Every structure is written in C-alpha cells, then in structure tokens.
N, C-alpha and C. Protein backbone atom coordinates (compact mmCIF):
# COMPACT_ATOMS: atom_id res chain seq x y z
N UNK A 1 126.54 127.82 193.34
CA UNK A 1 126.87 126.47 193.74
C UNK A 1 127.85 126.49 194.90
N UNK A 2 127.72 125.52 195.77
CA UNK A 2 128.61 125.39 196.91
C UNK A 2 129.92 124.75 196.44
N UNK A 3 131.02 125.49 196.50
CA UNK A 3 132.28 124.95 196.01
C UNK A 3 132.82 123.85 196.92
N UNK A 4 132.24 123.68 198.09
CA UNK A 4 132.69 122.64 199.02
C UNK A 4 131.89 121.35 198.92
N UNK A 5 130.95 121.30 198.00
CA UNK A 5 130.13 120.10 197.84
C UNK A 5 130.32 119.53 196.44
N UNK A 6 130.10 118.24 196.31
CA UNK A 6 130.19 117.60 195.01
C UNK A 6 128.94 117.90 194.21
N UNK A 7 129.12 118.20 192.94
CA UNK A 7 127.97 118.37 192.05
C UNK A 7 128.43 118.09 190.62
N UNK A 8 127.47 117.81 189.77
CA UNK A 8 127.75 117.52 188.37
C UNK A 8 127.96 118.82 187.62
N UNK A 9 129.10 118.94 186.95
CA UNK A 9 129.34 120.12 186.13
C UNK A 9 128.37 120.14 184.97
N UNK A 10 128.12 121.34 184.48
CA UNK A 10 127.37 121.44 183.24
C UNK A 10 128.21 120.82 182.13
N UNK A 11 127.61 120.48 181.07
CA UNK A 11 128.31 119.85 179.96
C UNK A 11 129.15 120.90 179.24
N UNK A 12 130.40 120.55 179.00
CA UNK A 12 131.25 121.43 178.22
C UNK A 12 130.76 121.43 176.77
N UNK A 13 130.91 122.53 176.07
CA UNK A 13 130.53 122.54 174.66
C UNK A 13 131.23 121.41 173.92
N UNK A 14 130.52 120.73 173.05
CA UNK A 14 131.06 119.55 172.38
C UNK A 14 131.99 119.95 171.24
N UNK A 15 133.26 119.91 171.51
CA UNK A 15 134.27 120.20 170.50
C UNK A 15 135.24 119.04 170.39
N UNK A 16 134.91 117.93 170.99
CA UNK A 16 135.82 116.81 171.01
C UNK A 16 136.75 116.91 172.21
N UNK A 17 137.55 115.91 172.37
CA UNK A 17 138.53 115.92 173.44
C UNK A 17 137.99 115.44 174.76
N UNK A 18 138.90 115.14 175.64
CA UNK A 18 138.60 114.67 176.98
C UNK A 18 139.23 115.62 177.99
N UNK A 19 138.53 115.95 179.08
CA UNK A 19 139.16 116.79 180.11
C UNK A 19 140.43 116.11 180.63
N UNK A 20 141.53 116.85 180.62
CA UNK A 20 142.81 116.28 181.05
C UNK A 20 143.33 116.94 182.32
N UNK A 21 143.17 118.26 182.43
CA UNK A 21 143.64 118.94 183.63
C UNK A 21 142.62 119.97 184.07
N UNK A 22 142.48 120.10 185.38
CA UNK A 22 141.53 121.04 185.96
C UNK A 22 142.28 121.89 186.97
N UNK A 23 142.06 123.20 186.92
CA UNK A 23 142.71 124.13 187.83
C UNK A 23 141.66 125.03 188.45
N UNK A 24 141.73 125.22 189.77
CA UNK A 24 140.96 126.26 190.42
C UNK A 24 141.95 127.38 190.74
N UNK A 25 141.70 128.57 190.17
CA UNK A 25 142.62 129.68 190.34
C UNK A 25 142.41 130.38 191.67
N UNK A 26 143.31 131.26 192.03
CA UNK A 26 143.22 131.99 193.29
C UNK A 26 142.01 132.93 193.32
N UNK A 27 141.47 133.28 192.14
CA UNK A 27 140.26 134.11 192.10
C UNK A 27 139.01 133.28 191.79
N UNK A 28 139.06 131.98 192.12
CA UNK A 28 137.92 131.06 192.06
C UNK A 28 137.40 130.75 190.66
N UNK A 29 138.23 130.86 189.64
CA UNK A 29 137.87 130.38 188.31
C UNK A 29 138.21 128.91 188.23
N UNK A 30 137.44 128.18 187.44
CA UNK A 30 137.80 126.82 187.08
C UNK A 30 138.27 126.85 185.63
N UNK A 31 139.38 126.18 185.37
CA UNK A 31 139.91 126.11 184.02
C UNK A 31 140.15 124.64 183.70
N UNK A 32 139.61 124.20 182.58
CA UNK A 32 139.77 122.81 182.15
C UNK A 32 140.49 122.78 180.81
N UNK A 33 141.55 122.00 180.74
CA UNK A 33 142.25 121.76 179.49
C UNK A 33 141.83 120.40 178.97
N UNK A 34 141.50 120.36 177.68
CA UNK A 34 141.06 119.10 177.08
C UNK A 34 142.18 118.49 176.25
N UNK A 35 142.17 117.17 176.21
CA UNK A 35 143.16 116.35 175.53
C UNK A 35 142.52 115.79 174.26
N UNK A 36 143.29 115.56 173.23
CA UNK A 36 142.81 115.04 171.94
C UNK A 36 141.85 116.01 171.26
N UNK A 37 142.17 117.27 171.27
CA UNK A 37 141.36 118.27 170.58
C UNK A 37 140.26 118.78 171.48
N UNK A 38 140.05 120.04 171.51
CA UNK A 38 138.98 120.56 172.33
C UNK A 38 139.31 121.83 173.05
N UNK A 39 140.58 122.18 173.20
CA UNK A 39 140.93 123.48 173.74
C UNK A 39 140.86 123.60 175.25
N UNK A 40 140.70 124.86 175.71
CA UNK A 40 140.67 125.20 177.13
C UNK A 40 139.39 125.97 177.41
N UNK A 41 138.74 125.65 178.55
CA UNK A 41 137.48 126.28 178.94
C UNK A 41 137.63 126.90 180.32
N UNK A 42 136.93 128.01 180.55
CA UNK A 42 136.98 128.72 181.82
C UNK A 42 135.57 128.94 182.34
N UNK A 43 135.39 128.77 183.65
CA UNK A 43 134.10 129.03 184.29
C UNK A 43 134.33 129.94 185.49
N UNK A 44 133.48 130.95 185.65
CA UNK A 44 133.57 131.84 186.80
C UNK A 44 132.48 131.54 187.83
N UNK A 45 131.65 130.49 187.56
CA UNK A 45 130.55 130.15 188.46
C UNK A 45 130.57 128.66 188.84
N UNK A 46 131.76 128.14 189.03
CA UNK A 46 131.99 126.74 189.45
C UNK A 46 131.33 125.73 188.53
N UNK A 47 131.37 125.99 187.23
CA UNK A 47 130.96 124.99 186.26
C UNK A 47 129.55 125.09 185.72
N UNK A 48 128.79 126.09 186.12
CA UNK A 48 127.45 126.23 185.55
C UNK A 48 127.53 126.65 184.08
N UNK A 49 128.40 127.61 183.78
CA UNK A 49 128.57 128.10 182.41
C UNK A 49 130.06 128.09 182.09
N UNK A 50 130.40 127.63 180.88
CA UNK A 50 131.79 127.56 180.45
C UNK A 50 132.01 128.47 179.25
N UNK A 51 133.16 129.13 179.22
CA UNK A 51 133.57 129.95 178.10
C UNK A 51 134.78 129.31 177.45
N UNK A 52 134.70 129.10 176.14
CA UNK A 52 135.86 128.54 175.44
C UNK A 52 136.88 129.65 175.22
N UNK A 53 138.13 129.32 175.43
CA UNK A 53 139.20 130.31 175.27
C UNK A 53 139.67 130.33 173.82
N UNK A 54 140.61 131.22 173.53
CA UNK A 54 141.18 131.25 172.20
C UNK A 54 142.35 130.26 172.06
N UNK A 55 142.62 129.47 173.09
CA UNK A 55 143.65 128.43 173.02
C UNK A 55 142.99 127.15 172.52
N UNK A 56 143.22 126.82 171.28
CA UNK A 56 142.57 125.67 170.66
C UNK A 56 143.55 124.53 170.41
N UNK A 57 144.72 124.58 171.01
CA UNK A 57 145.71 123.52 170.83
C UNK A 57 145.10 122.17 171.23
N UNK A 58 145.55 121.12 170.58
CA UNK A 58 144.95 119.80 170.74
C UNK A 58 145.21 119.13 172.08
N UNK A 59 146.38 119.27 172.64
CA UNK A 59 146.75 118.48 173.80
C UNK A 59 147.13 119.40 174.96
N UNK A 60 146.16 119.82 175.75
CA UNK A 60 146.44 120.67 176.91
C UNK A 60 146.61 119.76 178.12
N UNK A 61 147.85 119.33 178.33
CA UNK A 61 148.14 118.27 179.29
C UNK A 61 148.20 118.75 180.73
N UNK A 62 148.54 120.00 180.95
CA UNK A 62 148.84 120.43 182.30
C UNK A 62 148.63 121.94 182.38
N UNK A 63 147.85 122.41 183.35
CA UNK A 63 147.59 123.84 183.52
C UNK A 63 147.90 124.20 184.96
N UNK A 64 148.67 125.28 185.16
CA UNK A 64 149.04 125.73 186.50
C UNK A 64 148.82 127.24 186.62
N UNK A 65 148.70 127.70 187.85
CA UNK A 65 148.71 129.13 188.14
C UNK A 65 150.01 129.42 188.88
N UNK A 66 150.76 130.40 188.40
CA UNK A 66 152.05 130.72 189.00
C UNK A 66 151.98 132.01 189.81
N UNK A 67 152.99 132.24 190.62
CA UNK A 67 153.01 133.42 191.49
C UNK A 67 153.18 134.72 190.73
N UNK A 68 153.56 134.66 189.44
CA UNK A 68 153.71 135.88 188.65
C UNK A 68 152.37 136.39 188.11
N UNK A 69 151.26 135.71 188.48
CA UNK A 69 149.93 136.12 188.06
C UNK A 69 149.46 135.45 186.79
N UNK A 70 150.33 134.69 186.12
CA UNK A 70 149.95 134.02 184.88
C UNK A 70 149.48 132.60 185.13
N UNK A 71 148.64 132.14 184.22
CA UNK A 71 148.22 130.74 184.13
C UNK A 71 148.99 130.17 182.95
N UNK A 72 149.60 129.01 183.13
CA UNK A 72 150.40 128.40 182.07
C UNK A 72 149.76 127.08 181.64
N UNK A 73 149.78 126.82 180.34
CA UNK A 73 149.26 125.56 179.80
C UNK A 73 150.35 124.88 178.97
N UNK A 74 150.65 123.64 179.33
CA UNK A 74 151.56 122.82 178.56
C UNK A 74 150.75 122.11 177.49
N UNK A 75 151.02 122.44 176.25
CA UNK A 75 150.27 121.87 175.13
C UNK A 75 151.21 121.02 174.31
N UNK A 76 151.11 119.74 174.49
CA UNK A 76 152.10 118.76 174.01
C UNK A 76 152.61 119.02 172.60
N UNK A 77 151.75 119.20 171.64
CA UNK A 77 152.23 119.34 170.27
C UNK A 77 152.30 120.79 169.81
N UNK A 78 152.05 121.72 170.71
CA UNK A 78 151.96 123.11 170.26
C UNK A 78 152.67 124.10 171.18
N UNK A 79 153.45 123.65 172.14
CA UNK A 79 154.24 124.57 172.94
C UNK A 79 153.66 124.93 174.29
N UNK A 80 154.14 126.02 174.85
CA UNK A 80 153.75 126.52 176.16
C UNK A 80 153.02 127.84 175.99
N UNK A 81 151.88 127.98 176.67
CA UNK A 81 151.06 129.18 176.59
C UNK A 81 150.90 129.79 177.97
N UNK A 82 150.58 131.11 177.99
CA UNK A 82 150.27 131.74 179.26
C UNK A 82 149.10 132.71 179.06
N UNK A 83 148.39 132.96 180.18
CA UNK A 83 147.19 133.80 180.16
C UNK A 83 147.05 134.48 181.51
N UNK A 84 146.46 135.66 181.50
CA UNK A 84 146.13 136.33 182.76
C UNK A 84 144.71 136.02 183.22
N UNK A 85 143.85 135.56 182.30
CA UNK A 85 142.44 135.36 182.64
C UNK A 85 141.88 133.99 182.27
N UNK A 86 142.65 133.14 181.62
CA UNK A 86 142.18 131.82 181.21
C UNK A 86 141.38 131.82 179.92
N UNK A 87 141.14 132.98 179.34
CA UNK A 87 140.36 133.07 178.11
C UNK A 87 141.23 133.46 176.92
N UNK A 88 142.08 134.46 177.08
CA UNK A 88 143.02 134.84 176.01
C UNK A 88 144.42 134.37 176.39
N UNK A 89 145.08 133.73 175.43
CA UNK A 89 146.37 133.10 175.68
C UNK A 89 147.41 133.59 174.68
N UNK A 90 148.67 133.58 175.11
CA UNK A 90 149.77 133.87 174.20
C UNK A 90 150.76 132.70 174.25
N UNK A 91 151.29 132.36 173.06
CA UNK A 91 152.27 131.28 172.98
C UNK A 91 153.64 131.86 173.32
N UNK A 92 154.36 131.18 174.21
CA UNK A 92 155.71 131.60 174.57
C UNK A 92 156.72 131.00 173.60
N UNK A 93 157.79 131.70 173.41
CA UNK A 93 158.87 131.21 172.56
C UNK A 93 159.76 130.31 173.41
N UNK A 94 159.67 129.02 173.18
CA UNK A 94 160.44 128.05 173.96
C UNK A 94 161.39 127.29 173.03
N UNK A 95 162.49 126.76 173.56
CA UNK A 95 163.44 126.04 172.71
C UNK A 95 162.95 124.64 172.30
N UNK A 96 161.82 124.18 172.85
CA UNK A 96 161.21 122.92 172.41
C UNK A 96 159.71 123.17 172.23
N UNK A 97 159.09 122.42 171.32
CA UNK A 97 157.66 122.59 171.05
C UNK A 97 156.79 121.54 171.73
N UNK A 98 157.31 120.36 171.92
CA UNK A 98 156.52 119.27 172.51
C UNK A 98 156.59 119.35 174.04
N UNK A 99 155.73 120.22 174.60
CA UNK A 99 155.71 120.46 176.04
C UNK A 99 154.70 119.51 176.69
N UNK A 100 155.16 118.74 177.68
CA UNK A 100 154.27 117.77 178.33
C UNK A 100 153.85 118.18 179.73
N UNK A 101 154.66 118.97 180.42
CA UNK A 101 154.36 119.30 181.81
C UNK A 101 155.04 120.60 182.21
N UNK A 102 154.39 121.34 183.11
CA UNK A 102 154.96 122.60 183.61
C UNK A 102 154.61 122.73 185.08
N UNK A 103 155.56 123.20 185.88
CA UNK A 103 155.30 123.53 187.28
C UNK A 103 156.05 124.82 187.60
N UNK A 104 155.66 125.41 188.72
CA UNK A 104 156.45 126.51 189.26
C UNK A 104 157.34 125.92 190.35
N UNK A 105 158.64 126.02 190.14
CA UNK A 105 159.57 125.52 191.13
C UNK A 105 159.75 126.53 192.25
N UNK A 106 160.91 126.54 192.84
CA UNK A 106 161.22 127.48 193.92
C UNK A 106 161.57 128.85 193.34
N UNK A 107 161.26 129.90 194.09
CA UNK A 107 161.59 131.27 193.71
C UNK A 107 160.99 131.69 192.37
N UNK A 108 159.81 131.16 192.03
CA UNK A 108 159.11 131.56 190.81
C UNK A 108 159.65 130.96 189.53
N UNK A 109 160.59 130.05 189.61
CA UNK A 109 161.17 129.45 188.40
C UNK A 109 160.15 128.55 187.71
N UNK A 110 160.00 128.74 186.39
CA UNK A 110 159.21 127.81 185.59
C UNK A 110 160.08 126.62 185.23
N UNK A 111 159.56 125.43 185.50
CA UNK A 111 160.25 124.19 185.15
C UNK A 111 159.32 123.46 184.19
N UNK A 112 159.81 123.21 182.99
CA UNK A 112 159.00 122.67 181.91
C UNK A 112 159.65 121.41 181.39
N UNK A 113 158.85 120.36 181.20
CA UNK A 113 159.37 119.11 180.66
C UNK A 113 158.77 118.84 179.30
N UNK A 114 159.61 118.34 178.40
CA UNK A 114 159.11 118.05 177.06
C UNK A 114 160.08 117.20 176.28
N UNK A 115 159.82 117.16 174.97
CA UNK A 115 160.58 116.31 174.07
C UNK A 115 161.21 117.19 173.00
N UNK A 116 162.51 117.02 172.79
CA UNK A 116 163.23 117.80 171.79
C UNK A 116 163.46 117.00 170.52
N UNK A 117 164.26 117.57 169.63
CA UNK A 117 164.61 116.90 168.38
C UNK A 117 165.25 115.55 168.65
N UNK A 118 164.96 114.60 167.81
CA UNK A 118 165.52 113.27 167.99
C UNK A 118 164.85 112.49 169.10
N UNK A 119 163.67 112.94 169.52
CA UNK A 119 162.89 112.27 170.56
C UNK A 119 163.72 112.13 171.85
N UNK A 120 164.34 113.23 172.27
CA UNK A 120 165.13 113.26 173.49
C UNK A 120 164.42 114.08 174.56
N UNK A 121 164.55 113.66 175.80
CA UNK A 121 163.92 114.36 176.90
C UNK A 121 164.64 115.64 177.25
N UNK A 122 163.86 116.69 177.54
CA UNK A 122 164.43 117.99 177.88
C UNK A 122 163.67 118.58 179.06
N UNK A 123 164.39 119.27 179.91
CA UNK A 123 163.82 120.17 180.91
C UNK A 123 164.29 121.56 180.50
N UNK A 124 163.35 122.52 180.49
CA UNK A 124 163.76 123.90 180.24
C UNK A 124 163.36 124.72 181.46
N UNK A 125 164.22 125.66 181.82
CA UNK A 125 164.06 126.46 183.03
C UNK A 125 164.01 127.94 182.66
N UNK A 126 163.09 128.68 183.31
CA UNK A 126 163.04 130.13 183.10
C UNK A 126 162.83 130.82 184.44
N UNK A 127 163.65 131.81 184.69
CA UNK A 127 163.53 132.61 185.91
C UNK A 127 162.88 133.97 185.65
N UNK A 128 162.40 134.19 184.41
CA UNK A 128 161.79 135.48 184.08
C UNK A 128 160.50 135.33 183.26
N UNK A 129 159.67 134.37 183.66
CA UNK A 129 158.35 134.22 183.05
C UNK A 129 158.35 133.72 181.62
N UNK A 130 159.38 133.02 181.22
CA UNK A 130 159.41 132.44 179.89
C UNK A 130 160.07 133.29 178.83
N UNK A 131 160.79 134.32 179.23
CA UNK A 131 161.51 135.15 178.25
C UNK A 131 162.81 134.47 177.84
N UNK A 132 163.58 134.02 178.82
CA UNK A 132 164.84 133.31 178.56
C UNK A 132 164.75 131.90 179.13
N UNK A 133 165.46 130.97 178.47
CA UNK A 133 165.39 129.56 178.87
C UNK A 133 166.79 128.96 178.98
N UNK A 134 166.92 128.06 179.94
CA UNK A 134 168.10 127.22 180.09
C UNK A 134 167.65 125.80 179.77
N UNK A 135 168.42 125.07 178.97
CA UNK A 135 168.04 123.71 178.56
C UNK A 135 168.85 122.69 179.35
N UNK A 136 168.14 121.71 179.92
CA UNK A 136 168.76 120.58 180.61
C UNK A 136 168.42 119.32 179.80
N UNK A 137 169.44 118.61 179.32
CA UNK A 137 169.21 117.40 178.52
C UNK A 137 169.02 116.20 179.44
N UNK A 138 167.96 115.44 179.15
CA UNK A 138 167.71 114.20 179.90
C UNK A 138 167.91 112.97 179.02
N UNK A 139 168.29 113.18 177.77
CA UNK A 139 168.54 112.12 176.81
C UNK A 139 167.33 111.20 176.66
N UNK A 140 167.42 109.95 177.10
CA UNK A 140 166.36 108.97 176.85
C UNK A 140 165.16 109.10 177.80
N UNK A 141 165.27 109.91 178.84
CA UNK A 141 164.15 110.08 179.78
C UNK A 141 163.17 111.09 179.19
N UNK A 142 161.92 110.66 178.96
CA UNK A 142 160.90 111.53 178.38
C UNK A 142 159.95 111.98 179.48
N UNK A 143 159.98 113.26 179.88
CA UNK A 143 159.18 113.74 181.00
C UNK A 143 157.68 113.67 180.74
N UNK A 144 156.94 113.08 181.67
CA UNK A 144 155.48 113.07 181.62
C UNK A 144 154.88 114.00 182.66
N UNK A 145 155.44 114.01 183.87
CA UNK A 145 154.92 114.82 184.97
C UNK A 145 156.05 115.40 185.79
N UNK A 146 155.84 116.63 186.25
CA UNK A 146 156.73 117.25 187.23
C UNK A 146 155.92 117.52 188.49
N UNK A 147 156.59 117.47 189.63
CA UNK A 147 155.91 117.65 190.91
C UNK A 147 156.86 118.33 191.88
N UNK A 148 156.36 119.35 192.57
CA UNK A 148 157.15 120.02 193.60
C UNK A 148 156.65 119.57 194.97
N UNK A 149 157.52 118.97 195.74
CA UNK A 149 157.17 118.50 197.08
C UNK A 149 157.20 119.67 198.07
N UNK A 150 156.62 119.45 199.23
CA UNK A 150 156.58 120.49 200.27
C UNK A 150 157.97 120.98 200.67
N UNK A 151 158.95 120.10 200.61
CA UNK A 151 160.31 120.48 201.00
C UNK A 151 161.06 121.21 199.88
N UNK A 152 160.38 121.44 198.73
CA UNK A 152 160.98 122.17 197.63
C UNK A 152 161.70 121.30 196.62
N UNK A 153 161.83 120.02 196.91
CA UNK A 153 162.47 119.13 195.95
C UNK A 153 161.51 118.88 194.79
N UNK A 154 162.07 118.69 193.60
CA UNK A 154 161.29 118.53 192.39
C UNK A 154 161.43 117.09 191.92
N UNK A 155 160.30 116.47 191.57
CA UNK A 155 160.28 115.09 191.07
C UNK A 155 159.80 115.08 189.63
N UNK A 156 160.34 114.15 188.86
CA UNK A 156 159.96 113.98 187.47
C UNK A 156 159.57 112.54 187.23
N UNK A 157 158.37 112.33 186.70
CA UNK A 157 157.94 111.02 186.27
C UNK A 157 158.11 110.93 184.77
N UNK A 158 158.91 109.96 184.34
CA UNK A 158 159.14 109.78 182.91
C UNK A 158 158.35 108.61 182.38
N UNK A 159 158.72 108.16 181.20
CA UNK A 159 158.04 107.01 180.60
C UNK A 159 158.14 105.80 181.53
N UNK A 160 159.27 105.63 182.19
CA UNK A 160 159.43 104.54 183.16
C UNK A 160 160.31 104.94 184.34
N UNK A 161 160.80 106.16 184.33
CA UNK A 161 161.76 106.59 185.32
C UNK A 161 161.14 107.54 186.34
N UNK A 162 161.68 107.50 187.55
CA UNK A 162 161.39 108.50 188.56
C UNK A 162 162.71 109.19 188.88
N UNK A 163 162.72 110.52 188.73
CA UNK A 163 163.93 111.29 188.97
C UNK A 163 163.65 112.39 189.99
N UNK A 164 164.72 112.91 190.58
CA UNK A 164 164.59 113.94 191.61
C UNK A 164 165.66 115.00 191.41
N UNK A 165 165.24 116.26 191.64
CA UNK A 165 166.18 117.39 191.61
C UNK A 165 166.11 118.10 192.95
N UNK A 166 167.25 118.34 193.55
CA UNK A 166 167.31 119.06 194.82
C UNK A 166 167.79 120.49 194.62
N UNK A 167 168.04 120.88 193.34
CA UNK A 167 168.56 122.22 193.04
C UNK A 167 167.67 122.97 192.04
N UNK A 168 166.35 122.78 192.20
CA UNK A 168 165.37 123.54 191.42
C UNK A 168 165.46 123.27 189.92
N UNK A 169 165.76 122.01 189.56
CA UNK A 169 165.74 121.59 188.17
C UNK A 169 167.06 121.64 187.44
N UNK A 170 168.12 122.07 188.11
CA UNK A 170 169.43 122.20 187.44
C UNK A 170 170.04 120.83 187.12
N UNK A 171 169.96 119.89 188.08
CA UNK A 171 170.48 118.54 187.87
C UNK A 171 169.43 117.54 188.33
N UNK A 172 169.49 116.32 187.78
CA UNK A 172 168.49 115.28 188.05
C UNK A 172 169.18 113.98 188.39
N UNK A 173 168.66 113.30 189.42
CA UNK A 173 169.18 111.99 189.81
C UNK A 173 168.09 110.96 189.62
N UNK A 174 168.46 109.83 189.04
CA UNK A 174 167.53 108.72 188.84
C UNK A 174 167.29 108.03 190.16
N UNK A 175 166.01 107.91 190.57
CA UNK A 175 165.67 107.21 191.81
C UNK A 175 165.37 105.73 191.54
N UNK A 176 164.57 105.46 190.51
CA UNK A 176 164.34 104.08 190.11
C UNK A 176 163.66 104.02 188.74
N UNK A 177 163.65 102.81 188.18
CA UNK A 177 162.99 102.56 186.90
C UNK A 177 161.79 101.67 187.17
N UNK A 178 160.64 102.06 186.63
CA UNK A 178 159.37 101.38 186.85
C UNK A 178 159.04 100.47 185.66
N UNK A 179 158.01 99.64 185.83
CA UNK A 179 157.52 98.81 184.73
C UNK A 179 156.56 99.58 183.83
N UNK A 180 156.10 100.74 184.28
CA UNK A 180 155.12 101.51 183.50
C UNK A 180 155.32 103.00 183.72
N UNK A 181 154.58 103.82 182.97
CA UNK A 181 154.69 105.26 183.08
C UNK A 181 154.27 105.75 184.46
N UNK A 182 154.90 106.82 184.91
CA UNK A 182 154.53 107.49 186.14
C UNK A 182 153.75 108.73 185.73
N UNK A 183 152.42 108.65 185.84
CA UNK A 183 151.56 109.69 185.28
C UNK A 183 151.02 110.68 186.30
N UNK A 184 151.03 110.34 187.58
CA UNK A 184 150.39 111.21 188.56
C UNK A 184 151.20 111.24 189.85
N UNK A 185 151.28 112.43 190.42
CA UNK A 185 151.82 112.61 191.77
C UNK A 185 150.71 113.22 192.61
N UNK A 186 150.62 112.85 193.87
CA UNK A 186 149.68 113.46 194.78
C UNK A 186 150.41 113.83 196.06
N UNK A 187 149.83 114.79 196.78
CA UNK A 187 150.44 115.23 198.02
C UNK A 187 149.35 115.53 199.03
N UNK A 188 149.51 115.01 200.23
CA UNK A 188 148.56 115.30 201.30
C UNK A 188 148.86 116.63 201.95
N UNK A 189 148.03 116.98 202.92
CA UNK A 189 148.25 118.26 203.63
C UNK A 189 149.35 118.08 204.58
C-alpha cells in the first residue's frame, strides 16, 4: 500500500473498544491503541494485517515513540507500559496508576500526566526511561493531554485548564480556564 495515499484500513479483530491513538513508528509500523477495552494492535504493512499485542489494558489513551527506542502507552486505569516492538509490553513501576497521557520532553525526559490518590492531578517525570520518578502535584488540575511545542515548551490540557511549563515539566503556570476539556493539540510544520 502507498503510505502517502488515503485508503481504508483492514478491520481490526473484533475485541471491543474504539481506536483512540495511532502511531507510525520510525521503522514504519502502525500501532493503534483502543479505548474501552480492546488492547493494542500493530501492523507492519500499513494496515493490511494487524497483530494483537499482549497489552490488553482497557484504556490505551496515548502511544508515543521515544528517542530511547521504546514505545510507551498510557493506559488510564492500568499504568504506563513500554515496548521495543509494539507487540510485547512491560508495565513500568510508576507512583500513580491512572495514567492519561505521556510525551517525551526535552533531553529524553518522559513527562507523564495522570490522577493520584484522592482524585488529584499529578505529573511524573523520569530522566532514565521510567526507572526513577519525580512527582509534581497539580492538585485539582486533572491532566488529559500533554504537548511539546517546537520551541521545547510543554503544554498541558486539563479538564478545563490550559497550563504551560518552560522548564521541561518541573513547574506549571496556568494560562487560562476553558468552558470544556482540552482534548487535542495540533502543530503545523
């Protein structure tokens, strides 16, 4: 298939769930994370055939490829996972389980947003691939999306808040409060 043309993907195996995030890796794999049950699927032929991975977590909200060679999946009710191939995954030991979003910040730092005990917003930071974590409390702000801009600044869309970090996730400043959730960020070339 021509990866530069639009075409209908083959049907994913019916396991429930809705496609929530799609990633094209640097080695031309497509990886789809499904929401509301359904797991993660990988294709090496641009969607003609899909392989279900061993990651069967219900809410795969966000999948990224990082410079350390790993693919990371934020699985809202089941933590943070990583994989080298998109098929076999390992769960990372994180200080919070309800992971909603993950990005690679500057200098390879993992920046992860989620919900901690008492329904409080948390950002967790790792500079060594998820071995050690630093916790940043956001209190009432519940992270939905993280975004790294071209200038290296990091943005967070919360339930109603838009926040910005100019120091790679260490501190956050409130930019404004919205009437609704901020669910998507986009960036042009």
